[in-house]
Amino acid sequence: MPPRTRHLPAGTRSVLLVLHGGRAESLARQPRLGLARLRMRAFGAAVRRLAADPSLAEIEVNYRYRGWNGAHAHPAADAHRTLRELALQAPDAKVVLLGHSMGGRAALAVAGHPQVVGAVLLAPWCRPGDPVEHLRGRRLVILHDPSDRVTGAEGSRALAARARRAGADVRFVAMPRGGHAMIAGAGAWQRLAARAVTAILAGEPLPDLPPGTS
């Protein structure tokens, strides 16, 4: 049985759905603790601090497996399940996705869900054949260090261009450092991600972004 999504607090009006990274291929069970999960908890904390909104709930997608794997074993299926469960609990809540690496790819795959208003993607894994038509009307902010040798910022740039042509409101930000793990300059990544999430949830213009934005 897949892991269940925890119950949302009463009064939830918006949800930050967090999707951490993983591996391209692995059917190993997802560990309860690990660097990928801990890394994203710092981002979630940054969003909560900035939003200071008790009606905002943070939910982490619980993956069945560590890898993408294809077919129905990938984390996008787990994210779809989580969104279905959230819709039953809070059908009027707005959802913003926050995904890193493999979690960024999963976030893109499920961003067409009717409650999703946007996504903030951190060094996402973007493939040329991944669909973008469902992103019409969504607001996306993509942060990626051009020196990333794991997923590659050019894939993110190409995805941003395709999504924009499909009708999404997209900002790509070339981060000056951090690599794939976002360790160097972690505070800047977290602050910018938090500002983007809160602006998307509030329906406000995206904040001023640093040089390298397109």
Protein backbone atom coordinates (compact mmCIF):
# COMPACT_ATOMS: atom_id res chain seq x y z
CA MET A 1 0.00 0.00 0.00
CA PRO A 2 1.29 3.51 -0.79
CA PRO A 3 1.87 5.83 2.17
CA ARG A 4 -1.07 8.03 3.07
CA THR A 5 -1.11 11.81 3.12
CA ARG A 6 -1.52 13.26 6.60
CA HIS A 7 -4.71 15.13 7.42
CA LEU A 8 -4.77 18.84 6.75
CA PRO A 9 -5.35 21.20 9.69
CA ALA A 10 -8.80 22.74 9.98
CA GLY A 11 -8.99 26.07 8.17
CA THR A 12 -6.41 25.21 5.52
CA ARG A 13 -6.80 27.59 2.57
CA SER A 14 -3.51 26.96 0.77
CA VAL A 15 -1.03 24.12 0.54
CA LEU A 16 2.70 23.95 -0.15
CA LEU A 17 3.27 20.53 -1.69
CA VAL A 18 6.95 19.58 -1.36
CA LEU A 19 8.62 17.07 -3.69
CA HIS A 20 12.23 16.18 -2.89
CA GLY A 21 14.81 14.68 -5.20
CA GLY A 22 15.76 11.07 -5.81
CA ARG A 23 17.39 8.88 -8.43
CA ALA A 24 16.76 8.11 -12.08
CA GLU A 25 16.33 4.39 -11.36
CA SER A 26 15.80 2.74 -7.99
CA LEU A 27 13.08 0.49 -6.65
CA ALA A 28 14.51 0.75 -3.15
CA ARG A 29 12.03 1.96 -0.57
CA GLN A 30 12.16 5.65 0.25
CA PRO A 31 14.06 6.13 3.54
CA ARG A 32 12.26 7.96 6.33
CA LEU A 33 15.19 10.37 6.63
CA GLY A 34 17.80 11.34 4.10
CA LEU A 35 19.61 14.34 2.67
CA ALA A 36 17.04 14.84 -0.09
CA ARG A 37 14.20 15.16 2.41
CA LEU A 38 16.16 17.22 4.93
CA ARG A 39 17.27 19.65 2.23
CA MET A 40 13.66 20.45 1.33
CA ARG A 41 12.59 20.91 4.92
CA ALA A 42 14.77 24.03 5.06
CA PHE A 43 12.93 25.39 2.02
CA GLY A 44 9.55 24.64 3.56
CA ALA A 45 10.59 26.43 6.75
CA ALA A 46 11.63 29.48 4.72
CA VAL A 47 8.21 29.61 3.05
CA ARG A 48 6.38 29.33 6.37
CA ARG A 49 8.49 32.10 7.92
CA LEU A 50 7.83 34.49 5.07
CA ALA A 51 4.15 33.67 4.65
CA ALA A 52 3.38 33.75 8.39
CA ASP A 53 -0.04 32.38 7.47
CA PRO A 54 -1.71 29.81 9.74
CA SER A 55 -4.00 28.77 6.88
CA LEU A 56 -0.99 27.53 4.88
CA ALA A 57 -0.29 23.81 5.26
CA GLU A 58 2.93 22.14 4.18
CA ILE A 59 2.69 18.57 2.88
CA GLU A 60 5.54 16.38 1.67
CA VAL A 61 4.79 13.86 -1.07
CA ASN A 62 5.67 10.40 0.22
CA TYR A 63 7.26 8.41 -2.57
CA ARG A 64 7.01 4.64 -2.71
CA TYR A 65 10.45 4.32 -4.31
CA ARG A 66 13.66 6.31 -4.49
CA GLY A 67 13.77 6.40 -8.29
CA TRP A 68 11.75 7.72 -11.21
CA ASN A 69 11.66 4.26 -12.81
CA GLY A 70 9.04 4.96 -15.47
CA ALA A 71 5.66 3.26 -15.93
CA HIS A 72 3.58 3.73 -12.76
CA ALA A 73 6.44 3.45 -10.26
CA HIS A 74 7.58 7.05 -10.60
CA PRO A 75 6.96 9.85 -8.09
CA ALA A 76 4.52 11.67 -10.36
CA ALA A 77 2.03 8.88 -9.63
CA ASP A 78 2.60 9.44 -5.91
CA ALA A 79 2.11 13.18 -6.39
CA HIS A 80 -1.16 12.57 -8.27
CA ARG A 81 -2.37 10.39 -5.40
CA THR A 82 -1.45 13.07 -2.87
CA LEU A 83 -3.34 15.73 -4.83
CA ARG A 84 -6.42 13.50 -5.01
CA GLU A 85 -6.32 13.07 -1.22
CA LEU A 86 -5.82 16.80 -0.67
CA ALA A 87 -8.79 17.55 -2.95
CA LEU A 88 -11.02 15.42 -0.76
CA GLN A 89 -9.91 17.24 2.39
CA ALA A 90 -9.69 20.81 1.09
CA PRO A 91 -11.31 21.11 -2.35
CA ASP A 92 -11.04 24.92 -2.36
CA ALA A 93 -7.41 25.19 -1.24
CA LYS A 94 -4.83 26.61 -3.62
CA VAL A 95 -1.73 24.47 -4.12
CA VAL A 96 1.81 25.53 -5.00
CA LEU A 97 4.35 22.81 -5.82
CA LEU A 98 7.95 23.05 -4.63
CA GLY A 99 10.17 20.44 -6.23
CA HIS A 100 13.89 19.72 -6.44
CA SER A 101 15.60 17.61 -9.12
CA MET A 102 13.49 14.47 -9.70
CA GLY A 103 10.83 16.13 -7.55
CA GLY A 104 10.86 19.06 -9.95
CA ARG A 105 10.09 16.72 -12.84
CA ALA A 106 7.25 15.17 -10.82
CA ALA A 107 5.92 18.63 -9.98
CA LEU A 108 5.85 19.57 -13.65
CA ALA A 109 3.99 16.36 -14.47
CA VAL A 110 1.14 17.10 -12.03
CA ALA A 111 0.96 20.89 -12.37
CA GLY A 112 -2.17 20.65 -14.50
CA HIS A 113 -4.25 19.62 -11.48
CA PRO A 114 -7.11 22.15 -11.11
CA GLN A 115 -6.06 23.22 -7.61
CA VAL A 116 -2.44 23.86 -8.58
CA VAL A 117 -1.82 27.55 -9.28
CA GLY A 118 1.91 27.33 -9.82
CA ALA A 119 5.24 25.72 -9.04
CA VAL A 120 8.72 26.66 -7.91
CA LEU A 121 11.30 24.28 -9.35
CA LEU A 122 14.81 23.92 -7.98
CA ALA A 123 17.41 22.47 -10.37
CA PRO A 124 14.65 20.35 -11.93
CA TRP A 125 15.22 17.28 -14.10
CA CYS A 126 13.70 18.37 -17.43
CA ARG A 127 13.51 16.05 -20.42
CA PRO A 128 12.86 17.26 -24.01
CA GLY A 129 9.87 14.96 -24.45
CA ASP A 130 8.06 15.89 -21.25
CA PRO A 131 4.67 17.51 -22.02
CA VAL A 132 3.97 21.18 -21.33
CA GLU A 133 0.48 21.80 -22.74
CA HIS A 134 -1.10 21.22 -19.33
CA LEU A 135 0.95 24.12 -17.90
CA ARG A 136 -1.20 26.76 -19.60
CA GLY A 137 -2.29 29.34 -17.05
CA ARG A 138 0.19 28.17 -14.40
CA ARG A 139 2.91 30.36 -12.91
CA LEU A 140 6.35 28.77 -12.80
CA VAL A 141 9.64 29.94 -11.32
CA ILE A 142 12.70 27.83 -12.15
CA LEU A 143 15.96 28.30 -10.24
CA HIS A 144 19.02 26.59 -11.68
CA ASP A 145 22.78 27.05 -11.40
CA PRO A 146 24.36 26.84 -14.88
CA SER A 147 27.27 24.89 -13.34
CA ASP A 148 24.91 22.03 -12.36
CA ARG A 149 26.30 18.85 -13.90
CA VAL A 150 23.56 16.53 -12.63
CA THR A 151 20.40 17.79 -14.30
CA GLY A 152 21.73 20.66 -16.41
CA ALA A 153 20.35 24.18 -16.59
CA GLU A 154 19.94 24.11 -20.37
CA GLY A 155 17.20 21.54 -19.96
CA SER A 156 15.42 23.92 -17.61
CA ARG A 157 15.83 26.82 -20.05
CA ALA A 158 14.40 24.74 -22.87
CA LEU A 159 11.48 23.63 -20.71
CA ALA A 160 10.81 27.24 -19.69
CA ALA A 161 10.68 28.31 -23.34
CA ARG A 162 8.32 25.49 -24.32
CA ALA A 163 6.05 26.12 -21.33
CA ARG A 164 5.91 29.83 -22.10
CA ARG A 165 4.82 29.08 -25.67
CA ALA A 166 2.14 26.79 -24.23
CA GLY A 167 0.68 29.67 -22.21
CA ALA A 168 2.42 29.43 -18.84
CA ASP A 169 3.84 32.45 -17.00
CA VAL A 170 7.46 31.35 -16.55
CA ARG A 171 10.55 32.89 -14.99
CA PHE A 172 13.94 31.21 -15.28
CA VAL A 173 16.62 32.35 -12.83
CA ALA A 174 20.28 31.46 -13.36
CA MET A 175 21.57 31.10 -9.80
CA PRO A 176 25.18 32.25 -9.37
CA ARG A 177 26.24 29.25 -7.29
CA GLY A 178 24.99 26.23 -5.42
CA GLY A 179 25.39 23.47 -7.97
CA HIS A 180 22.79 20.72 -7.94
CA ALA A 181 22.66 20.27 -4.17
CA MET A 182 22.16 24.02 -3.59
CA ILE A 183 24.67 24.02 -0.73
CA ALA A 184 26.71 27.11 -1.53
CA GLY A 185 24.47 30.14 -1.16
CA ALA A 186 21.67 27.99 0.27
CA GLY A 187 20.13 30.99 2.01
CA ALA A 188 19.70 32.84 -1.28
CA TRP A 189 18.00 29.82 -2.86
CA GLN A 190 15.64 29.49 0.10
CA ARG A 191 14.76 33.19 0.28
CA LEU A 192 14.07 33.48 -3.43
CA ALA A 193 12.02 30.27 -3.48
CA ALA A 194 9.99 31.48 -0.50
CA ARG A 195 9.31 34.84 -2.13
CA ALA A 196 8.19 33.14 -5.33
CA VAL A 197 5.88 30.69 -3.51
CA THR A 198 4.20 33.41 -1.47
CA ALA A 199 3.71 35.65 -4.52
CA ILE A 200 2.13 32.81 -6.50
CA LEU A 201 -0.21 31.92 -3.64
CA ALA A 202 -1.23 35.55 -3.16
CA GLY A 203 -1.78 36.10 -6.88
CA GLU A 204 0.70 38.96 -6.74
CA PRO A 205 3.38 39.90 -9.28
CA LEU A 206 6.50 37.83 -8.93
CA PRO A 207 9.21 39.58 -6.89
CA ASP A 208 12.16 41.31 -8.46
CA LEU A 209 14.51 38.58 -9.53
CA PRO A 210 18.29 38.76 -9.83
CA PRO A 211 20.34 39.20 -13.02
CA GLY A 212 20.20 36.13 -15.21
CA THR A 213 16.41 36.02 -15.12
CA SER A 214 14.56 35.34 -18.35
